[in-house]
N, C-alpha and C. Protein backbone atom coordinates (compact mmCIF):
# COMPACT_ATOMS: atom_id res chain seq x y z
N MET A 1 -21.71 7.18 -8.25
CA MET A 1 -20.87 7.02 -7.46
C MET A 1 -20.19 5.98 -8.52
N PRO A 2 -18.53 6.62 -8.27
CA PRO A 2 -17.85 5.80 -8.88
C PRO A 2 -17.35 4.21 -8.51
N ALA A 3 -17.22 3.14 -9.76
CA ALA A 3 -16.98 1.73 -9.77
C ALA A 3 -15.38 1.80 -8.93
N ALA A 4 -15.55 0.14 -8.33
CA ALA A 4 -14.66 0.60 -7.76
C ALA A 4 -13.42 0.10 -8.42
N PRO A 5 -11.86 0.07 -8.21
CA PRO A 5 -11.00 -0.54 -9.54
C PRO A 5 -10.96 -1.58 -9.39
N ASP A 6 -10.65 -2.48 -10.90
CA ASP A 6 -10.66 -3.44 -11.07
C ASP A 6 -9.22 -4.12 -10.79
N TYR A 7 -8.81 -4.32 -9.50
CA TYR A 7 -7.41 -4.55 -8.83
C TYR A 7 -6.52 -5.62 -10.14
N LEU A 8 -7.82 -6.66 -10.49
CA LEU A 8 -6.80 -7.46 -11.13
C LEU A 8 -6.61 -7.88 -12.61
N ASN A 9 -7.57 -6.41 -13.05
CA ASN A 9 -7.68 -6.18 -14.41
C ASN A 9 -7.56 -4.67 -14.72
N PRO A 10 -6.80 -3.76 -14.39
CA PRO A 10 -6.57 -2.77 -14.37
C PRO A 10 -6.91 -2.04 -15.59
N CYS A 11 -6.96 -2.61 -16.97
CA CYS A 11 -6.44 -2.28 -18.68
C CYS A 11 -5.73 -0.76 -18.22
N ILE A 12 -4.62 -1.02 -18.10
CA ILE A 12 -3.51 0.39 -17.89
C ILE A 12 -3.62 0.56 -19.72
N PRO A 13 -3.32 1.89 -20.09
CA PRO A 13 -2.85 2.26 -21.67
C PRO A 13 -1.75 2.23 -21.99
N PRO A 14 -1.51 2.13 -23.07
CA PRO A 14 0.14 1.90 -23.26
C PRO A 14 1.01 3.24 -23.06
N ASN A 15 2.22 3.06 -22.78
CA ASN A 15 3.25 4.27 -23.50
C ASN A 15 3.33 5.60 -22.15
N LEU A 16 2.17 5.28 -21.05
CA LEU A 16 2.33 6.56 -20.15
C LEU A 16 3.06 7.33 -19.98
N ARG A 17 3.25 8.26 -19.48
CA ARG A 17 4.48 9.25 -18.34
C ARG A 17 4.62 8.09 -17.27
N ARG A 18 6.23 8.54 -16.74
CA ARG A 18 6.46 7.90 -15.86
C ARG A 18 6.90 8.54 -14.99
N VAL A 19 6.14 9.06 -13.66
CA VAL A 19 6.75 10.03 -12.46
C VAL A 19 7.66 9.05 -11.78
N ALA A 20 8.93 9.52 -11.47
CA ALA A 20 9.75 8.87 -10.62
C ALA A 20 9.98 9.37 -8.91
N ILE A 21 9.76 8.13 -8.46
CA ILE A 21 9.83 9.00 -6.92
C ILE A 21 10.78 8.14 -5.76
N PRO A 22 11.42 8.83 -5.01
CA PRO A 22 12.76 9.04 -4.58
C PRO A 22 12.53 7.42 -3.18
N VAL A 23 13.54 6.49 -3.50
CA VAL A 23 13.86 5.56 -2.62
C VAL A 23 14.46 6.55 -1.68
N VAL A 24 13.94 6.04 -0.51
CA VAL A 24 14.91 5.85 0.88
C VAL A 24 14.70 5.20 1.76
N ASP A 25 15.87 4.84 2.80
CA ASP A 25 15.90 4.13 4.11
C ASP A 25 14.78 4.64 4.98
N ALA A 26 13.50 3.38 5.11
CA ALA A 26 12.65 3.58 6.26
C ALA A 26 13.31 3.99 7.87
N THR A 27 13.26 4.57 8.33
CA THR A 27 13.63 5.23 9.81
C THR A 27 12.60 5.71 10.67
N GLU A 28 13.05 5.95 11.92
CA GLU A 28 12.09 6.51 12.37
C GLU A 28 11.67 7.66 12.43
N ASP A 29 13.40 8.74 12.05
CA ASP A 29 13.07 9.90 11.04
C ASP A 29 11.98 10.09 10.08
N THR A 30 12.92 9.11 9.02
CA THR A 30 12.22 9.26 7.92
C THR A 30 10.89 9.10 7.21
N LEU A 31 10.14 8.13 8.73
CA LEU A 31 9.05 7.61 8.39
C LEU A 31 7.92 8.87 9.47
N GLU A 32 8.59 9.57 10.13
CA GLU A 32 7.83 10.55 10.77
C GLU A 32 6.55 11.06 10.29
N GLY A 33 5.37 11.20 10.59
CA GLY A 33 4.14 11.33 10.24
C GLY A 33 3.57 10.45 9.18
N PHE A 34 4.02 9.24 8.33
CA PHE A 34 3.60 8.17 8.29
C PHE A 34 3.17 7.12 8.96
N GLY A 35 3.45 6.94 10.33
CA GLY A 35 3.97 5.92 10.91
C GLY A 35 5.20 5.30 11.28
N CYS A 36 5.30 4.57 11.77
CA CYS A 36 6.82 4.21 12.56
C CYS A 36 7.24 2.65 11.83
N LEU A 37 8.34 2.58 12.66
CA LEU A 37 8.98 1.07 12.47
C LEU A 37 8.27 0.43 13.56
N VAL A 38 8.40 -1.29 13.26
CA VAL A 38 7.75 -1.51 14.57
C VAL A 38 8.77 -3.32 14.69
N PRO A 39 9.53 -2.75 15.92
CA PRO A 39 10.63 -3.75 16.32
C PRO A 39 10.00 -5.86 16.51
N ASP A 40 8.49 -5.41 17.26
CA ASP A 40 8.04 -6.59 17.01
C ASP A 40 6.48 -6.57 17.00
N LEU A 41 5.50 -8.06 17.19
CA LEU A 41 4.22 -7.78 16.82
C LEU A 41 3.85 -7.05 17.92
N SER A 42 4.44 -7.52 19.15
CA SER A 42 3.65 -6.83 20.46
C SER A 42 3.45 -5.56 20.98
N SER A 43 4.54 -4.72 19.84
CA SER A 43 4.74 -3.32 20.11
C SER A 43 3.53 -2.14 19.63
N ALA A 44 2.54 -3.00 18.73
CA ALA A 44 2.33 -1.94 18.11
C ALA A 44 0.46 -2.34 17.92
N ASP A 45 -0.10 -1.15 18.65
CA ASP A 45 -1.65 -1.06 18.23
C ASP A 45 -2.11 -0.51 17.24
N VAL A 46 -3.23 -1.35 16.36
CA VAL A 46 -3.42 -0.08 15.52
C VAL A 46 -4.61 1.19 15.75
N GLU A 47 -4.27 2.07 15.16
CA GLU A 47 -5.44 3.06 15.85
C GLU A 47 -6.73 3.09 14.90
N ILE A 48 -8.08 2.96 15.57
CA ILE A 48 -9.36 3.09 15.09
C ILE A 48 -9.90 4.45 14.99
N VAL A 49 -10.25 4.94 14.03
CA VAL A 49 -10.67 6.19 14.42
C VAL A 49 -12.66 6.18 14.32
N ARG A 50 -12.82 7.05 14.95
CA ARG A 50 -13.95 7.03 15.71
C ARG A 50 -15.31 7.52 14.23
N TRP A 51 -16.60 6.82 13.84
CA TRP A 51 -17.25 7.13 13.10
C TRP A 51 -17.27 8.27 13.09
N PRO A 52 -17.60 9.11 11.87
CA PRO A 52 -17.94 10.60 11.57
C PRO A 52 -19.05 10.87 12.40
N ALA A 53 -19.08 11.91 12.88
CA ALA A 53 -20.43 12.26 12.87
C ALA A 53 -21.37 13.24 11.72
N GLN A 54 -22.56 12.68 11.46
CA GLN A 54 -23.52 12.90 9.85
C GLN A 54 -23.94 14.62 10.20
N GLY A 55 -23.97 15.27 11.23
CA GLY A 55 -24.25 16.54 11.94
C GLY A 55 -23.78 16.88 12.99
N TRP A 56 -25.04 18.12 13.97
CA TRP A 56 -24.10 18.51 14.76
C TRP A 56 -24.17 18.12 15.87
N ARG A 57 -24.85 16.91 15.54
CA ARG A 57 -25.38 15.93 17.12
C ARG A 57 -23.93 15.21 17.08
N PRO A 58 -22.55 15.43 18.22
CA PRO A 58 -21.51 14.40 17.93
C PRO A 58 -22.04 12.83 18.13
N VAL A 59 -21.12 12.18 17.76
CA VAL A 59 -20.98 10.54 18.20
C VAL A 59 -21.08 10.08 19.85
N ASP A 60 -21.78 9.34 20.27
CA ASP A 60 -21.41 9.22 21.56
C ASP A 60 -19.69 8.10 21.91
N SER A 61 -19.38 9.07 22.79
CA SER A 61 -17.72 8.72 22.86
C SER A 61 -17.24 7.48 23.63
N ASP A 62 -18.78 6.61 23.45
CA ASP A 62 -18.81 5.16 23.96
C ASP A 62 -19.12 4.75 23.15
N SER A 63 -18.89 4.72 21.90
CA SER A 63 -19.47 4.50 20.60
C SER A 63 -18.49 4.40 18.96
N GLY A 64 -18.77 3.84 18.33
CA GLY A 64 -17.98 4.53 16.94
C GLY A 64 -16.74 3.89 16.68
N ASN A 65 -16.30 3.25 17.22
CA ASN A 65 -15.18 3.16 17.27
C ASN A 65 -14.81 1.12 17.79
N GLU A 66 -16.12 0.74 17.67
CA GLU A 66 -15.87 -0.83 18.16
C GLU A 66 -15.75 -1.77 17.35
N GLY A 67 -15.39 -1.38 15.89
CA GLY A 67 -15.30 -2.58 14.73
C GLY A 67 -14.02 -3.29 14.82
N GLY A 68 -13.31 -2.91 15.98
CA GLY A 68 -11.74 -3.73 15.99
C GLY A 68 -10.73 -3.73 14.98
N THR A 69 -9.78 -4.76 14.84
CA THR A 69 -9.21 -5.03 13.75
C THR A 69 -9.51 -6.25 13.46
N THR A 70 -9.01 -6.74 12.08
CA THR A 70 -8.98 -7.82 11.80
C THR A 70 -7.36 -8.10 10.90
N GLU A 71 -7.13 -9.70 10.83
CA GLU A 71 -5.68 -9.88 9.95
C GLU A 71 -5.63 -10.93 9.74
N GLY A 72 -4.17 -11.33 9.00
CA GLY A 72 -4.82 -12.12 8.12
C GLY A 72 -2.28 -11.84 7.29
N VAL A 73 -2.50 -12.74 6.30
CA VAL A 73 -1.13 -12.76 5.67
C VAL A 73 -1.63 -11.78 4.49
N PHE A 74 -0.45 -11.06 4.18
CA PHE A 74 -0.61 -10.26 2.93
C PHE A 74 0.86 -10.98 2.28
N VAL A 75 0.52 -11.09 1.34
CA VAL A 75 1.58 -11.97 -0.05
C VAL A 75 2.10 -10.82 -1.10
N SER A 76 3.19 -10.74 -1.51
CA SER A 76 3.13 -9.70 -2.42
C SER A 76 4.52 -10.90 -3.40
N GLU A 77 4.02 -10.87 -4.81
CA GLU A 77 4.98 -11.94 -5.33
C GLU A 77 5.14 -11.32 -6.72
N TRP A 78 6.22 -11.66 -7.65
CA TRP A 78 6.25 -11.45 -8.96
C TRP A 78 6.41 -12.82 -9.67
N LYS A 79 5.31 -12.72 -10.90
CA LYS A 79 5.46 -13.46 -11.92
C LYS A 79 5.69 -12.58 -12.78
N GLY A 80 6.99 -13.15 -13.56
CA GLY A 80 7.74 -12.35 -14.95
C GLY A 80 7.60 -10.66 -14.69
N ASP A 81 6.31 -10.31 -14.87
CA ASP A 81 7.02 -8.84 -15.07
C ASP A 81 5.54 -8.00 -14.09
N VAL A 82 5.07 -8.85 -13.39
CA VAL A 82 3.42 -8.69 -12.78
C VAL A 82 3.84 -8.45 -11.10
N LEU A 83 3.47 -7.60 -10.87
CA LEU A 83 3.47 -7.97 -9.11
C LEU A 83 2.06 -8.15 -8.80
N TYR A 84 1.64 -9.50 -8.09
CA TYR A 84 0.59 -9.16 -7.69
C TYR A 84 0.33 -9.78 -5.69
N GLY A 85 -0.37 -9.37 -5.21
CA GLY A 85 -0.59 -8.97 -4.13
C GLY A 85 -1.87 -10.03 -3.36
N ARG A 86 -1.87 -10.47 -2.56
CA ARG A 86 -2.88 -11.05 -1.79
C ARG A 86 -3.03 -10.53 -0.16
N ASN A 87 -4.33 -10.18 0.01
CA ASN A 87 -4.43 -9.75 1.67
C ASN A 87 -5.35 -10.73 1.87
N ASP A 88 -5.23 -12.02 2.78
CA ASP A 88 -6.09 -13.40 3.76
C ASP A 88 -6.81 -12.14 4.31
N ALA A 89 -6.58 -10.38 5.56
CA ALA A 89 -7.27 -9.70 6.00
C ALA A 89 -8.49 -9.34 5.65
N VAL A 90 -8.48 -9.29 4.01
CA VAL A 90 -9.82 -8.44 4.00
C VAL A 90 -9.85 -9.37 2.57
N ASP A 91 -9.62 -11.14 1.98
CA ASP A 91 -10.03 -11.30 1.33
C ASP A 91 -9.57 -10.45 -0.68
N GLY A 92 -8.47 -9.96 -0.33
CA GLY A 92 -8.62 -8.75 -1.35
C GLY A 92 -7.08 -9.71 -1.95
N HIS A 93 -7.32 -9.33 -3.77
CA HIS A 93 -6.50 -9.87 -4.77
C HIS A 93 -6.16 -8.75 -5.57
N TYR A 94 -4.97 -8.35 -6.26
CA TYR A 94 -4.27 -7.14 -6.88
C TYR A 94 -3.41 -7.64 -7.59
N VAL A 95 -3.35 -6.35 -8.89
CA VAL A 95 -2.61 -6.63 -8.96
C VAL A 95 -1.43 -5.10 -8.78
N LEU A 96 -0.29 -5.06 -8.08
CA LEU A 96 0.23 -4.07 -7.33
C LEU A 96 1.01 -3.52 -8.14
N GLY A 97 1.96 -3.91 -9.38
CA GLY A 97 2.62 -3.27 -10.54
C GLY A 97 3.09 -4.44 -11.24
N TYR A 98 4.07 -3.36 -11.70
CA TYR A 98 4.73 -4.01 -13.07
C TYR A 98 6.35 -3.61 -13.18
N ALA A 99 7.02 -4.59 -13.99
CA ALA A 99 8.09 -4.58 -14.05
C ALA A 99 8.58 -3.71 -15.34
N THR A 100 7.78 -3.76 -16.21
CA THR A 100 7.36 -2.78 -17.63
C THR A 100 6.16 -2.04 -17.42
N ASP A 101 5.88 -1.61 -19.49
CA ASP A 101 5.15 -0.94 -19.55
C ASP A 101 3.99 -2.37 -19.77
N PRO A 102 2.87 -2.11 -18.57
CA PRO A 102 1.82 -2.93 -18.72
C PRO A 102 1.33 -3.57 -19.81
N ALA A 103 1.22 -2.90 -20.67
CA ALA A 103 0.98 -3.67 -22.03
C ALA A 103 1.72 -4.14 -22.34
N GLN A 104 3.13 -4.26 -22.17
CA GLN A 104 3.87 -5.42 -22.67
C GLN A 104 4.54 -6.41 -21.65
N ALA A 105 4.06 -6.76 -20.22
CA ALA A 105 3.92 -7.37 -19.10
C ALA A 105 3.61 -8.42 -20.26
N LYS A 106 4.77 -9.44 -19.50
CA LYS A 106 4.70 -10.99 -19.73
C LYS A 106 5.10 -11.90 -18.27
N GLU A 107 4.60 -13.22 -17.75
CA GLU A 107 4.70 -13.32 -16.92
C GLU A 107 5.52 -14.95 -16.89
N ASP A 108 5.86 -15.39 -18.03
CA ASP A 108 6.44 -16.38 -18.77
C ASP A 108 7.95 -16.43 -18.23
N HIS A 109 8.35 -15.54 -17.54
CA HIS A 109 9.95 -15.39 -17.13
C HIS A 109 10.59 -15.41 -15.65
N ASP A 110 11.71 -15.88 -15.02
CA ASP A 110 12.09 -14.86 -14.07
C ASP A 110 12.91 -14.37 -14.12
N ARG A 111 13.04 -13.56 -15.20
CA ARG A 111 14.00 -12.40 -14.62
C ARG A 111 13.62 -11.46 -13.67
N PRO A 112 14.76 -11.11 -12.67
CA PRO A 112 15.05 -9.87 -11.73
C PRO A 112 14.60 -8.83 -11.99
N PRO A 113 13.27 -8.04 -11.71
CA PRO A 113 12.66 -6.74 -12.49
C PRO A 113 13.72 -5.97 -11.67
N GLN A 114 13.66 -4.72 -12.71
CA GLN A 114 14.90 -3.51 -12.77
C GLN A 114 14.04 -2.53 -11.84
N LYS A 115 12.98 -2.67 -12.05
CA LYS A 115 11.94 -1.34 -11.92
C LYS A 115 10.75 -1.81 -11.35
N LEU A 116 9.70 -0.73 -10.61
CA LEU A 116 8.56 -0.77 -10.34
C LEU A 116 7.64 0.16 -11.19
N LEU A 117 6.32 -0.49 -11.60
CA LEU A 117 5.92 0.80 -12.02
C LEU A 117 4.24 0.60 -11.59
N VAL A 118 3.80 1.57 -10.64
CA VAL A 118 2.53 1.45 -9.72
C VAL A 118 1.88 1.78 -10.17
N TRP A 119 0.52 1.75 -10.12
CA TRP A 119 -0.42 2.47 -10.61
C TRP A 119 -1.83 2.64 -10.11
N HIS A 120 -2.00 2.64 -8.22
CA HIS A 120 -2.85 2.82 -7.80
C HIS A 120 -2.24 2.68 -6.53
N ALA A 121 -3.31 3.39 -5.48
CA ALA A 121 -2.92 3.76 -3.97
C ALA A 121 -4.63 3.66 -3.49
N ASN A 122 -4.29 3.38 -2.43
CA ASN A 122 -5.00 4.17 -1.26
C ASN A 122 -4.93 4.63 0.47
N TYR A 123 -6.33 4.76 0.89
CA TYR A 123 -6.03 5.01 2.12
C TYR A 123 -7.45 4.62 3.07
N HIS A 124 -6.93 4.49 4.03
CA HIS A 124 -8.01 3.89 5.15
C HIS A 124 -8.58 4.63 6.38
N PRO A 125 -10.09 5.43 6.11
CA PRO A 125 -10.20 6.50 6.78
C PRO A 125 -10.30 6.26 8.11
N ASP A 126 -10.74 5.03 8.10
CA ASP A 126 -11.37 4.11 9.63
C ASP A 126 -10.45 3.71 10.67
N GLY A 127 -8.93 3.59 9.74
CA GLY A 127 -8.35 2.69 10.98
C GLY A 127 -6.61 2.95 10.09
N GLY A 128 -5.66 2.28 11.21
CA GLY A 128 -4.27 2.35 10.82
C GLY A 128 -3.68 0.70 10.23
N GLN A 129 -2.89 0.53 9.84
CA GLN A 129 -2.60 -0.55 9.34
C GLN A 129 -0.85 -1.19 9.44
N LEU A 130 -0.78 -2.26 10.03
CA LEU A 130 0.39 -2.86 10.20
C LEU A 130 0.74 -3.82 9.26
N PHE A 131 2.15 -3.82 8.58
CA PHE A 131 2.83 -5.12 8.41
C PHE A 131 4.08 -5.72 9.20
N PHE A 132 3.90 -7.23 9.43
CA PHE A 132 5.09 -7.25 10.15
C PHE A 132 6.04 -8.31 9.12
N PRO A 133 7.15 -8.54 8.55
CA PRO A 133 7.83 -9.53 8.29
C PRO A 133 7.78 -10.67 8.22
N GLN A 134 7.38 -11.70 7.55
CA GLN A 134 6.84 -13.29 8.12
C GLN A 134 8.22 -13.69 7.89
N VAL A 135 9.56 -13.21 6.93
CA VAL A 135 10.71 -13.54 5.60
C VAL A 135 11.61 -12.17 6.26
N ASN A 136 12.89 -12.62 6.52
CA ASN A 136 13.63 -11.54 6.74
C ASN A 136 14.25 -11.23 5.43
N LYS A 137 13.58 -10.58 4.60
CA LYS A 137 14.04 -10.10 3.25
C LYS A 137 13.66 -8.68 3.47
N PRO A 138 14.48 -7.09 2.67
CA PRO A 138 13.97 -6.33 2.37
C PRO A 138 12.75 -6.52 2.03
N PHE A 139 11.68 -4.98 1.40
CA PHE A 139 10.43 -4.89 0.95
C PHE A 139 10.32 -3.43 0.56
N LEU A 140 9.75 -3.00 0.14
CA LEU A 140 9.41 -1.44 -0.30
C LEU A 140 7.82 -1.17 0.45
N ALA A 141 7.67 -0.03 0.38
CA ALA A 141 6.66 0.89 0.85
C ALA A 141 5.79 2.26 0.08
N PRO A 142 5.41 2.24 -1.22
CA PRO A 142 5.70 3.81 -1.44
C PRO A 142 4.15 4.67 -0.84
N LEU A 143 4.49 5.53 -0.01
CA LEU A 143 3.94 6.15 1.15
C LEU A 143 3.40 7.74 1.04
N ALA A 144 2.56 8.71 1.00
CA ALA A 144 1.83 9.72 1.32
C ALA A 144 1.41 10.63 1.72
N LEU A 145 1.38 11.40 2.00
CA LEU A 145 0.94 11.96 3.48
C LEU A 145 -0.33 12.08 3.02
N PRO A 146 -2.08 12.33 4.10
CA PRO A 146 -3.23 12.42 4.14
C PRO A 146 -3.70 13.70 2.98
N GLY A 147 -4.44 13.71 2.25
CA GLY A 147 -5.23 14.59 1.36
C GLY A 147 -5.68 13.98 0.19
N ASP A 148 -6.82 14.35 0.10
CA ASP A 148 -7.69 14.01 -1.63
C ASP A 148 -6.63 14.40 -2.24
N ASP A 149 -6.56 15.92 -1.98
CA ASP A 149 -6.24 16.35 -3.39
C ASP A 149 -4.10 15.88 -3.71
N VAL A 150 -3.85 14.62 -2.94
CA VAL A 150 -2.36 13.75 -3.56
C VAL A 150 -1.99 13.78 -5.04
N GLN A 151 -0.99 14.27 -5.18
CA GLN A 151 -0.22 14.29 -6.67
C GLN A 151 0.94 13.02 -6.69
N PRO A 152 1.01 12.77 -7.49
CA PRO A 152 1.92 11.31 -8.32
C PRO A 152 3.20 11.95 -7.65
N GLU A 153 3.58 13.35 -7.29
CA GLU A 153 5.00 13.74 -7.24
C GLU A 153 4.75 14.18 -5.17
N ASP A 154 3.61 13.52 -4.67
CA ASP A 154 3.71 13.67 -3.46
C ASP A 154 4.48 12.20 -2.71
N PHE A 155 4.19 11.27 -3.74
CA PHE A 155 4.47 9.94 -2.99
C PHE A 155 6.14 10.02 -2.40
N VAL A 156 6.62 9.04 -1.77
CA VAL A 156 7.89 8.74 -1.23
C VAL A 156 8.37 6.86 -0.87
N CYS A 157 9.08 6.37 -1.91
CA CYS A 157 9.30 4.97 -1.57
C CYS A 157 9.80 4.34 -0.57
N PHE A 158 9.59 3.65 0.58
CA PHE A 158 10.42 3.68 1.53
C PHE A 158 11.24 1.92 1.80
N ARG A 159 12.42 1.82 1.80
CA ARG A 159 12.63 0.79 1.85
C ARG A 159 13.13 -0.15 3.70
N PHE A 160 12.66 -1.04 3.18
CA PHE A 160 12.26 -1.64 4.76
C PHE A 160 13.62 -2.85 4.78
N SER A 161 14.47 -2.89 5.95
CA SER A 161 15.44 -4.19 5.49
C SER A 161 14.63 -5.67 6.15
N GLY A 162 13.80 -5.70 6.10
CA GLY A 162 13.03 -6.90 6.57
C GLY A 162 13.16 -7.46 7.77
N ARG A 163 13.91 -6.59 8.92
CA ARG A 163 14.02 -6.85 10.48
C ARG A 163 12.94 -6.25 11.46
N GLU A 164 12.00 -5.09 10.60
CA GLU A 164 11.70 -4.53 11.29
C GLU A 164 9.44 -4.49 10.24
N GLY A 165 9.07 -3.81 11.14
CA GLY A 165 7.71 -3.88 10.57
C GLY A 165 7.40 -2.41 10.18
N LEU A 166 6.36 -2.04 9.86
CA LEU A 166 5.59 -1.29 9.39
C LEU A 166 4.63 -0.79 9.59
N TYR A 167 4.28 0.14 10.09
CA TYR A 167 2.80 0.77 10.81
C TYR A 167 2.90 2.02 10.48
N ILE A 168 1.29 1.79 9.52
CA ILE A 168 1.03 3.62 8.88
C ILE A 168 -0.32 3.46 9.98
N HIS A 169 -0.40 4.81 9.84
CA HIS A 169 -1.48 5.84 10.40
C HIS A 169 -3.04 6.04 9.45
N PRO A 170 -4.30 5.86 10.22
CA PRO A 170 -5.15 5.99 8.99
C PRO A 170 -4.61 7.72 8.08
N ASN A 171 -5.22 7.25 7.40
CA ASN A 171 -5.54 8.43 5.94
C ASN A 171 -3.79 8.25 5.63
N ILE A 172 -3.20 7.23 5.94
CA ILE A 172 -2.13 7.46 4.46
C ILE A 172 -1.82 6.71 3.38
N TRP A 173 -1.60 7.72 2.42
CA TRP A 173 -1.68 6.90 0.98
C TRP A 173 -0.62 5.70 1.07
N HIS A 174 -1.14 4.45 0.58
CA HIS A 174 -0.03 3.27 0.77
C HIS A 174 -0.89 2.48 -0.52
N GLU A 175 -0.18 1.17 -0.37
CA GLU A 175 -0.94 0.11 -1.26
C GLU A 175 -0.05 -1.22 -0.63
N GLY A 176 0.14 -1.60 0.27
CA GLY A 176 0.48 -2.89 0.67
C GLY A 176 2.08 -2.70 1.09
N ILE A 177 2.29 -4.03 0.89
CA ILE A 177 3.81 -3.99 0.45
C ILE A 177 4.67 -4.67 -0.48
N PHE A 178 5.78 -4.30 -1.25
CA PHE A 178 5.92 -4.74 -2.50
C PHE A 178 7.51 -4.84 -2.62
N ALA A 179 7.44 -6.69 -2.82
CA ALA A 179 8.32 -7.96 -2.99
C ALA A 179 9.18 -6.76 -3.60
N ILE A 180 10.97 -6.80 -3.90
CA ILE A 180 11.85 -6.22 -4.46
C ILE A 180 11.73 -7.19 -6.08
N SER A 181 11.54 -8.57 -5.37
CA SER A 181 12.00 -9.90 -6.01
C SER A 181 11.01 -10.92 -5.49
N GLY A 182 11.17 -11.53 -6.51
CA GLY A 182 10.66 -13.20 -5.99
C GLY A 182 9.32 -12.47 -5.50
N LYS A 183 9.06 -13.41 -3.63
CA LYS A 183 7.90 -13.32 -3.18
C LYS A 183 8.36 -12.60 -1.53
N HIS A 184 7.37 -12.26 -0.93
CA HIS A 184 7.25 -11.86 0.45
C HIS A 184 6.10 -11.91 0.96
N ARG A 185 6.22 -12.36 2.45
CA ARG A 185 5.05 -12.44 3.04
C ARG A 185 5.30 -10.96 4.46
N CYS A 186 4.04 -10.84 4.96
CA CYS A 186 4.06 -10.22 5.95
C CYS A 186 2.18 -10.44 6.59
N PHE A 187 2.88 -10.36 7.90
CA PHE A 187 1.89 -10.73 8.87
C PHE A 187 0.65 -9.14 8.56
N ASP A 188 -0.51 -9.33 8.52
CA ASP A 188 -1.27 -8.01 8.08
C ASP A 188 -1.97 -7.77 9.38
N ARG A 189 -2.32 -6.48 10.12
CA ARG A 189 -3.36 -6.18 10.94
C ARG A 189 -3.64 -4.71 10.25
N GLN A 190 -5.13 -4.60 10.56
CA GLN A 190 -6.07 -3.50 10.21
C GLN A 190 -7.21 -3.09 10.46
N GLY A 191 -7.83 -2.02 10.51
CA GLY A 191 -9.11 -2.18 11.01
C GLY A 191 -10.28 -2.96 10.34
N ALA A 192 -10.87 -3.30 11.12
CA ALA A 192 -12.06 -4.57 10.32
C ALA A 192 -13.12 -3.82 9.45
N VAL A 193 -13.28 -2.56 9.36
CA VAL A 193 -14.31 -1.98 8.52
C VAL A 193 -13.62 -1.71 7.21
N HIS A 194 -12.14 -1.73 7.18
CA HIS A 194 -11.67 -1.79 5.73
C HIS A 194 -12.38 -0.38 5.03
N ALA A 195 -12.45 0.79 5.20
CA ALA A 195 -12.97 1.58 3.97
C ALA A 195 -12.26 1.78 3.54
N ARG A 196 -11.87 2.35 1.75
CA ARG A 196 -10.91 2.43 1.01
C ARG A 196 -11.14 3.56 0.19
N VAL A 197 -9.91 4.38 0.09
CA VAL A 197 -10.25 5.99 -0.61
C VAL A 197 -8.94 5.40 -1.80
N SER A 198 -9.67 5.66 -3.31
CA SER A 198 -8.46 5.09 -4.19
C SER A 198 -7.89 6.10 -4.99
N VAL A 199 -7.09 6.29 -5.56
CA VAL A 199 -6.24 7.19 -6.29
C VAL A 199 -5.62 6.06 -7.49
N ASP A 200 -6.14 6.10 -8.62
CA ASP A 200 -5.91 5.41 -10.14
C ASP A 200 -4.95 7.01 -10.80
N PHE A 201 -3.82 6.17 -10.83
CA PHE A 201 -2.96 7.16 -11.57
C PHE A 201 -2.95 6.94 -13.06
N PRO A 202 -3.15 6.29 -13.67
CA PRO A 202 -3.65 6.33 -14.82
C PRO A 202 -4.61 6.91 -15.39
N ARG A 203 -6.02 6.96 -14.91
CA ARG A 203 -7.01 7.84 -15.11
C ARG A 203 -7.32 9.22 -14.84
N GLU A 204 -6.40 9.47 -13.45
CA GLU A 204 -6.56 10.63 -12.93
C GLU A 204 -4.96 11.58 -13.71
N PHE A 205 -3.97 11.05 -13.91
CA PHE A 205 -2.97 11.71 -14.16
C PHE A 205 -2.44 11.20 -15.66
N GLU A 206 -2.85 10.06 -15.93
CA GLU A 206 -2.32 9.69 -17.11
C GLU A 206 -0.73 9.57 -17.07
N CYS A 207 -0.43 8.55 -15.76
CA CYS A 207 0.69 8.18 -15.26
C CYS A 207 0.99 7.18 -14.66
N LEU A 208 2.27 6.59 -14.64
CA LEU A 208 2.26 5.63 -13.22
C LEU A 208 3.52 6.18 -12.42
N LEU A 209 4.07 5.59 -10.90
CA LEU A 209 4.82 5.83 -10.24
C LEU A 209 5.91 5.36 -10.85
N GLU A 210 7.22 5.45 -10.90
CA GLU A 210 8.13 4.56 -11.33
C GLU A 210 9.42 4.75 -9.93
N VAL A 211 9.49 3.36 -9.66
CA VAL A 211 10.40 3.26 -8.65
C VAL A 211 11.70 2.26 -8.88
N SER A 212 12.88 3.05 -8.82
CA SER A 212 14.35 1.82 -9.23
C SER A 212 14.47 0.91 -8.39
N LEU A 213 14.71 -0.60 -8.96
CA LEU A 213 14.67 -1.54 -7.70
C LEU A 213 16.52 -2.00 -8.01
N ALA A 214 17.00 -1.02 -8.84
CA ALA A 214 18.81 -1.32 -8.93
C ALA A 214 19.30 -0.99 -7.51
């Protein structure tokens, strides 16, 4: 079984090729299939997926989906060229991305980033996930439709105004929410099982996803 990614020390090789992915405004139409906009917290339920059967005997219809949800605050914050993430709902701490080649990234400045380089994404087979902004400022979310044969070119980066939240369906590739500059905070609610399936772009595809922030 492969080891889980080292989210705070991804050890990314220098000078990887970059796959530019499109940035589109998040609307009900553009998010179709990925999830939906959330106008307020009371309007969104998190889907929980029933535990899969191991053989021909089905899982009892009144079981297998009772793990419920967990919630907390998701923080995305730039420190120089490095974008960090923290998910209090699952006690997660991550390097989400970079503003320059990771080997050259420095944290000792406050220049606004001009691009975002993404090294990792994941999906949750056990449930959906809700992000609702606690500050009214735009944020980004790169997403791809389900499938373990996902390719870097399958990703689309959605830009949110900050007035509405994001709900993503189970099995949608994602990586939290991304501050465009400075710091962003979102309320996060997701399946409590928190199963995670990962794609590591440097190791699988020798590339990074590139998002223009201009």
